[in-house]
Protein backbone atom coordinates (compact mmCIF):
# COMPACT_ATOMS: atom_id res chain seq x y z
CA MET A 1 121.75 110.13 123.89
CA ASP A 2 119.25 113.13 124.53
CA TYR A 3 120.03 116.32 123.29
CA GLY A 4 117.87 117.98 125.48
CA HIS A 5 115.24 119.72 122.65
CA ASP A 6 111.57 120.08 123.04
CA LEU A 7 109.48 117.49 121.86
CA ARG A 8 107.28 118.17 118.58
CA PHE A 9 104.92 116.18 116.71
CA GLY A 10 103.69 116.38 113.06
CA SER A 11 102.02 114.92 110.02
CA PHE A 12 103.33 113.70 106.65
CA ILE A 13 100.41 114.02 104.29
CA THR A 14 100.02 112.95 100.74
CA PRO A 15 99.59 115.91 98.48
CA THR A 16 96.97 114.18 96.32
CA ALA A 17 95.33 115.93 93.67
CA THR A 18 91.91 114.26 93.66
CA PRO A 19 90.21 114.77 95.79
CA ALA A 20 92.06 118.06 95.89
CA GLN A 21 90.87 119.36 99.29
CA ASN A 22 91.58 116.03 101.12
CA PRO A 23 95.61 117.26 102.06
CA VAL A 24 93.83 120.65 103.66
CA VAL A 25 91.59 119.14 105.48
CA LEU A 26 94.04 116.85 106.77
CA ALA A 27 96.50 119.62 107.74
CA GLN A 28 93.45 121.26 109.66
CA VAL A 29 92.50 117.73 111.19
CA SER A 30 96.37 117.74 112.10
CA GLU A 31 96.07 121.36 113.75
CA ALA A 32 92.85 120.58 115.62
CA ALA A 33 94.60 117.31 116.84
CA GLY A 34 97.49 119.47 118.47
CA LEU A 35 100.37 118.65 116.32
CA ASP A 36 102.62 121.06 115.65
CA LEU A 37 103.79 120.82 112.10
CA VAL A 38 102.48 119.44 108.62
CA THR A 39 104.29 118.22 105.89
CA TYR A 40 104.03 117.35 102.38
CA GLN A 41 106.43 115.49 99.89
CA ASP A 42 107.62 117.27 97.05
CA HIS A 43 107.50 115.92 93.70
CA PRO A 44 107.04 118.52 90.82
CA TYR A 45 107.19 116.08 88.10
CA GLN A 46 104.04 113.54 89.86
CA PRO A 47 100.83 114.58 87.97
CA ALA A 48 98.99 112.81 90.54
CA PHE A 49 100.08 115.01 93.22
CA LEU A 50 99.31 118.70 93.83
CA ASP A 51 102.11 121.38 93.60
CA THR A 52 103.65 121.09 97.22
CA TRP A 53 104.48 124.96 97.34
CA THR A 54 100.72 126.15 96.10
CA LEU A 55 99.43 123.70 98.60
CA MET A 56 101.36 125.12 101.40
CA SER A 57 100.35 128.30 100.59
CA TYR A 58 97.04 127.68 100.51
CA VAL A 59 97.31 125.45 103.98
CA ALA A 60 98.99 128.49 105.76
CA ALA A 61 95.81 130.50 104.66
CA VAL A 62 93.41 128.22 106.10
CA THR A 63 95.33 127.26 109.56
CA GLU A 64 96.38 129.17 112.27
CA ARG A 65 98.87 127.77 114.66
CA ILE A 66 100.64 124.97 113.01
CA HIS A 67 103.85 125.00 111.13
CA ILE A 68 104.12 123.69 107.34
CA SER A 69 107.08 122.05 105.48
CA ALA A 70 107.95 120.37 102.34
CA ASN A 71 109.15 117.07 103.13
CA VAL A 72 111.63 117.44 101.41
CA VAL A 73 111.98 120.32 98.95
CA ASN A 74 113.16 119.01 95.60
CA VAL A 75 116.17 121.79 95.19
CA PRO A 76 116.95 120.87 91.98
CA LEU A 77 113.15 122.33 90.65
CA ARG A 78 112.80 124.67 93.30
CA MET A 79 116.00 126.73 92.61
CA PRO A 80 117.19 129.96 91.89
CA THR A 81 113.84 131.21 93.53
CA LEU A 82 113.54 129.36 96.67
CA PRO A 83 115.08 131.66 99.26
CA ARG A 84 112.34 134.18 98.85
CA ALA A 85 109.81 131.76 98.39
CA ALA A 86 110.27 130.39 101.66
CA ALA A 87 110.79 134.11 103.34
CA SER A 88 107.47 134.93 101.26
CA LEU A 89 105.53 132.13 102.66
CA ASP A 90 106.91 132.70 106.05
CA LEU A 91 105.94 136.28 105.93
CA LEU A 92 102.41 135.59 104.83
CA SER A 93 102.14 132.83 107.23
CA GLY A 94 103.36 134.43 110.53
CA GLY A 95 106.40 132.86 110.81
CA ARG A 96 104.93 129.25 110.51
CA PHE A 97 107.30 127.99 107.55
CA ASP A 98 110.40 125.58 108.04
CA LEU A 99 112.21 124.85 105.33
CA ALA A 100 113.39 120.84 104.96
CA LEU A 101 115.57 120.70 101.69
CA GLY A 102 116.35 117.26 99.67
CA ALA A 103 119.45 116.99 97.11
CA GLY A 104 117.20 114.85 94.17
CA ALA A 105 117.16 111.46 93.50
CA PHE A 106 114.93 110.74 90.38
CA TRP A 107 117.06 112.18 88.00
CA ASP A 108 115.32 110.85 84.89
CA ALA A 109 111.87 113.03 86.06
CA ILE A 110 114.04 115.63 86.94
CA THR A 111 115.80 115.94 83.56
CA ALA A 112 112.46 115.51 81.84
CA MET A 113 111.19 118.72 83.27
CA GLY A 114 114.24 120.43 82.32
CA GLY A 115 116.22 120.19 85.52
CA PRO A 116 120.00 119.51 85.81
CA ARG A 117 121.13 115.68 86.26
CA ARG A 118 123.95 115.70 88.95
CA THR A 119 125.91 112.64 90.39
CA PRO A 120 125.43 112.31 94.03
CA GLY A 121 128.91 113.98 94.72
CA GLU A 122 127.39 117.00 92.42
CA ALA A 123 124.36 116.86 94.53
CA VAL A 124 126.04 117.13 97.86
CA THR A 125 127.95 120.14 96.39
CA ALA A 126 124.88 121.91 94.92
CA LEU A 127 122.84 121.50 98.34
CA GLU A 128 125.73 122.93 100.36
CA GLU A 129 125.76 125.94 98.08
CA VAL A 130 122.01 126.35 98.16
CA ILE A 131 122.16 126.44 102.21
CA ASP A 132 124.75 129.46 101.95
CA ILE A 133 122.80 131.07 99.21
CA VAL A 134 119.31 130.71 101.23
CA ARG A 135 120.85 132.27 104.30
CA GLU A 136 122.69 134.93 102.68
CA THR A 137 119.38 136.09 100.86
CA TRP A 138 117.57 136.06 104.20
CA ARG A 139 120.46 138.68 105.87
CA ALA A 140 118.68 141.64 104.38
CA ASP A 141 120.31 143.95 106.70
CA GLU A 142 123.47 143.28 105.13
CA ARG A 143 124.61 145.98 102.40
CA GLY A 144 125.77 144.87 98.49
CA GLY A 145 124.53 141.98 96.39
CA ILE A 146 125.46 138.39 96.57
CA PHE A 147 128.66 136.71 94.77
CA ARG A 148 129.69 133.49 94.91
CA ASP A 149 131.81 131.43 92.60
CA GLY A 150 129.52 128.08 92.91
CA GLN A 151 129.76 125.12 90.64
CA ALA A 152 125.90 124.98 90.58
CA TYR A 153 124.69 128.20 91.29
CA PRO A 154 127.04 130.87 90.57
CA LEU A 155 125.76 134.55 91.84
CA ARG A 156 126.68 137.75 90.36
CA GLY A 157 125.19 140.51 92.53
CA ALA A 158 121.54 138.71 93.58
CA LYS A 159 119.51 140.95 95.59
CA ARG A 160 119.08 140.26 99.51
CA GLY A 161 115.77 139.90 100.90
CA PRO A 162 113.21 139.97 102.44
CA ARG A 163 113.83 138.71 105.79
CA PRO A 164 111.72 135.91 106.72
CA ALA A 165 109.25 136.36 109.72
CA HIS A 166 111.07 133.93 112.29
CA ASP A 167 114.61 132.11 112.15
CA ILE A 168 113.50 129.72 109.77
CA PRO A 169 115.40 126.71 110.33
CA ILE A 170 116.95 124.76 107.58
CA TRP A 171 116.69 120.79 107.81
CA ILE A 172 117.88 118.15 105.64
CA GLY A 173 116.66 114.85 104.56
CA ALA A 174 119.51 112.33 103.99
CA LEU A 175 121.16 108.85 104.99
CA LYS A 176 124.58 108.62 102.87
CA PRO A 177 127.73 109.71 104.93
CA ARG A 178 128.51 113.01 102.93
CA MET A 179 125.29 114.36 103.58
CA LEU A 180 125.35 113.51 107.07
CA ARG A 181 128.79 115.12 107.11
CA LEU A 182 127.16 118.34 105.62
CA ILE A 183 124.21 118.32 108.24
CA GLY A 184 126.93 118.25 111.01
CA ARG A 185 128.66 121.12 109.66
CA LYS A 186 125.75 123.38 108.21
CA SER A 187 122.18 122.40 108.72
CA ASP A 188 119.75 123.02 111.84
CA GLY A 189 118.03 119.79 111.65
CA TRP A 190 118.25 115.86 110.28
CA LEU A 191 115.18 114.62 108.58
CA PRO A 192 115.18 110.81 107.93
CA SER A 193 112.43 108.29 107.24
CA GLU A 194 112.70 105.40 109.69
CA SER A 195 111.25 103.02 106.84
CA MET A 196 114.41 103.54 104.93
CA MET A 197 116.93 102.89 107.54
CA GLN A 198 119.06 99.68 107.98
CA PRO A 199 119.38 98.11 111.69
CA GLY A 200 121.49 100.59 113.79
CA GLY A 201 121.45 103.21 110.97
CA LEU A 202 119.68 106.24 113.37
CA ASP A 203 122.37 105.97 115.88
CA GLU A 204 125.17 105.27 113.26
CA GLY A 205 123.72 108.46 111.32
CA MET A 206 123.70 110.55 114.92
CA ALA A 207 127.49 109.99 115.80
CA ARG A 208 128.26 110.90 112.21
CA ILE A 209 126.51 114.33 112.66
CA ASP A 210 127.66 114.98 116.12
CA ASP A 211 131.38 114.25 114.61
CA ALA A 212 131.19 116.91 111.91
CA ALA A 213 129.48 119.51 114.15
CA HIS A 214 132.27 118.95 116.54
CA GLY A 215 134.63 119.33 113.71
CA ALA A 216 133.25 122.63 112.39
CA GLY A 217 133.08 124.28 115.92
CA ARG A 218 129.62 123.64 116.55
CA GLU A 219 127.99 121.64 119.40
CA PRO A 220 125.95 118.50 118.51
CA HIS A 221 122.39 120.10 120.48
CA GLU A 222 122.38 122.95 117.96
CA ILE A 223 120.79 120.40 115.40
CA ARG A 224 117.58 119.07 115.73
CA ARG A 225 116.99 115.28 114.77
CA LEU A 226 113.48 114.86 113.54
CA LEU A 227 111.98 111.54 112.27
CA ASN A 228 109.46 110.40 109.68
CA ILE A 229 107.36 106.99 111.44
CA GLY A 230 104.56 104.94 110.34
CA PRO A 231 101.53 104.24 112.60
CA GLU A 232 101.67 101.55 115.38
CA ALA A 233 98.43 99.89 116.68
CA ASP A 234 98.70 100.43 120.65
CA SER A 235 99.01 104.20 121.56
CA ARG A 236 101.01 102.77 125.08
CA SER A 237 103.53 100.79 123.38
CA TRP A 238 103.82 103.67 120.45
CA ALA A 239 104.51 106.25 123.18
CA ALA A 240 106.92 104.16 125.05
CA ARG A 241 108.96 103.40 121.85
CA LEU A 242 109.23 106.89 120.87
CA ALA A 243 110.03 108.26 124.13
CA THR A 244 112.97 105.92 124.16
CA LEU A 245 114.06 106.89 120.78
CA THR A 246 114.29 110.66 122.55
CA LEU A 247 116.06 109.61 125.55
CA ASP A 248 118.39 107.08 123.86
CA SER A 249 119.03 108.24 119.97
CA GLY A 250 118.12 111.84 120.43
CA VAL A 251 115.16 112.42 118.18
CA SER A 252 112.83 115.33 119.51
CA THR A 253 110.48 115.62 116.43
CA PHE A 254 108.43 112.73 114.98
CA ILE A 255 106.09 113.02 112.31
CA LEU A 256 103.98 110.60 111.19
CA ALA A 257 103.23 109.26 107.57
CA SER A 258 99.38 108.86 107.77
CA ASP A 259 96.50 109.93 105.38
CA ASP A 260 93.78 108.87 108.09
CA PRO A 261 92.03 111.33 110.26
CA ALA A 262 91.93 109.03 112.91
CA THR A 263 95.09 107.95 113.55
CA LEU A 264 96.34 111.33 113.45
CA HIS A 265 93.98 112.51 116.04
CA ARG A 266 95.03 109.78 117.72
CA PHE A 267 98.60 110.43 117.41
CA GLY A 268 98.26 114.44 118.39
CA GLN A 269 95.75 113.70 121.55
CA GLU A 270 97.21 110.17 123.03
CA VAL A 271 100.32 109.28 121.89
CA GLY A 272 102.02 113.04 121.74
CA PRO A 273 101.22 113.73 125.23
CA ALA A 274 101.95 110.74 126.46
CA VAL A 275 105.61 110.88 125.09
CA ARG A 276 105.93 114.29 126.47
CA GLU A 277 104.94 113.05 130.19
CA LEU A 278 107.34 110.04 129.76
CA VAL A 279 110.17 111.84 128.81
CA ALA A 280 109.75 115.00 131.14
CA GLN A 281 110.01 112.14 133.98
CA GLU A 282 113.01 110.52 132.77
CA ARG A 283 114.99 113.76 132.26
CA ALA A 284 113.88 114.68 135.68
CA SER A 285 115.33 111.69 137.18
CA ARG A 286 118.64 111.58 135.06
CA GLY A 287 118.75 115.36 135.90
CA THR A 288 118.87 116.13 132.12
CA SER A 289 118.63 120.21 131.35
CA THR A 290 117.01 121.65 128.24
CA ALA A 291 119.18 122.48 125.52
CA ASP A 292 120.08 126.00 125.06
CA PRO A 293 118.61 126.42 121.56
CA ARG A 294 121.36 129.10 120.99
CA SER A 295 124.38 128.19 118.74
CA ARG A 296 128.06 128.65 119.90
CA ALA A 297 128.37 131.86 117.55
CA ALA A 298 124.79 133.05 118.89
CA ARG A 299 125.96 132.88 122.76
CA ALA A 300 129.45 134.36 121.69
CA ALA A 301 127.67 137.33 119.90
CA ARG A 302 126.09 138.39 123.49
CA VAL A 303 127.17 141.68 124.75
CA ALA A 304 129.24 142.08 128.33
CA GLY A 305 127.47 143.39 130.97
CA ILE A 306 124.06 142.08 129.93
CA ALA A 307 122.59 139.55 132.50
CA TYR A 308 120.70 137.61 129.56
CA ASP A 309 119.67 134.90 131.71
CA ASP A 310 118.74 136.81 134.67
CA VAL A 311 115.38 138.41 132.83
CA PRO A 312 112.12 137.68 135.31
CA ALA A 313 109.53 135.27 134.14
CA GLY A 314 107.17 136.41 131.74
CA LEU A 315 109.53 138.76 129.54
CA ARG A 316 110.89 137.50 126.14
CA VAL A 317 114.57 137.99 125.26
CA ILE A 318 115.56 138.84 121.88
CA GLU A 319 118.97 138.42 121.14
CA PRO A 320 121.08 136.72 118.02
CA GLY A 321 120.13 133.20 117.39
CA THR A 322 116.44 133.68 118.64
CA ASP A 323 113.56 133.89 116.70
CA HIS A 324 112.97 137.69 116.14
CA HIS A 325 109.16 137.04 115.11
CA VAL A 326 106.86 137.52 118.13
CA ARG A 327 103.69 135.19 116.88
CA PRO A 328 99.97 135.79 118.16
CA GLY A 329 99.69 134.50 121.40
CA ASP A 330 103.29 134.94 122.63
CA ARG A 331 103.20 138.16 123.74
CA GLY A 332 104.71 138.44 127.31
CA ARG A 333 106.34 135.28 127.22
């Protein structure tokens, strides 16, 4: 199904340490090509790679518009400083950091660096705790410290803050049923890789997430569906396939795994605009409306007597559940 999300396009770049400037230049290429997001895998135990967090911070300083994310954060080796690190990078970049989380997979490498070894069940439990801790930490306007009796991350009065520059989405990279149910209950997005899926796995995953969302009192459209993809030779057929993934399966963010500047340019300048046009045409013919980005809980927090939806065009509404950061160029929108 089509969840009605706006379409976004990004790059998935290898954070190679030699030459060190290559993943930085490719981020700039991505921005120049009109892409919305640049991402890097996060394997802190890999000596052939730059440290992803250091790289993202550097990239934020040499770009202006593009959003930045790990694909995905290695939670076992990034906690407990992850919430503040994310908020800090978002503040320094002017609201351009997005948070994608992974529960961990290469446990021998993780434990070799002093990290924990977790069973699959323990990894899911730990990731759920992290989602709650991150959001609690970002609630800087609430009084008191954070106290939690977590199995992986017990807290005894952790301080809150800083608050990020924008409402950072929390996406999860996963494929297994228990993780998909967690996505439906608590996350803002699903970020799998198409190359890792079995036939039918994408739609099965969407259904599991939707069921879990309903069970948690959420609307499925509150959860963005992202997808790591590979390049294709023909731009026209490539665009048509991606448009079908949006209209029939609900994918709204496509992240291209490529380190080739020409391919990134083609994806941003040819494929992305073609997908947007095809989707817009089909949505118009179907009468599909754009999804309301606010959650059910945020809509419930609206104050009676205020006509939120009647604000004149050109003005920007700040309310619960909306991005409270005004980026350069957004004033008056």
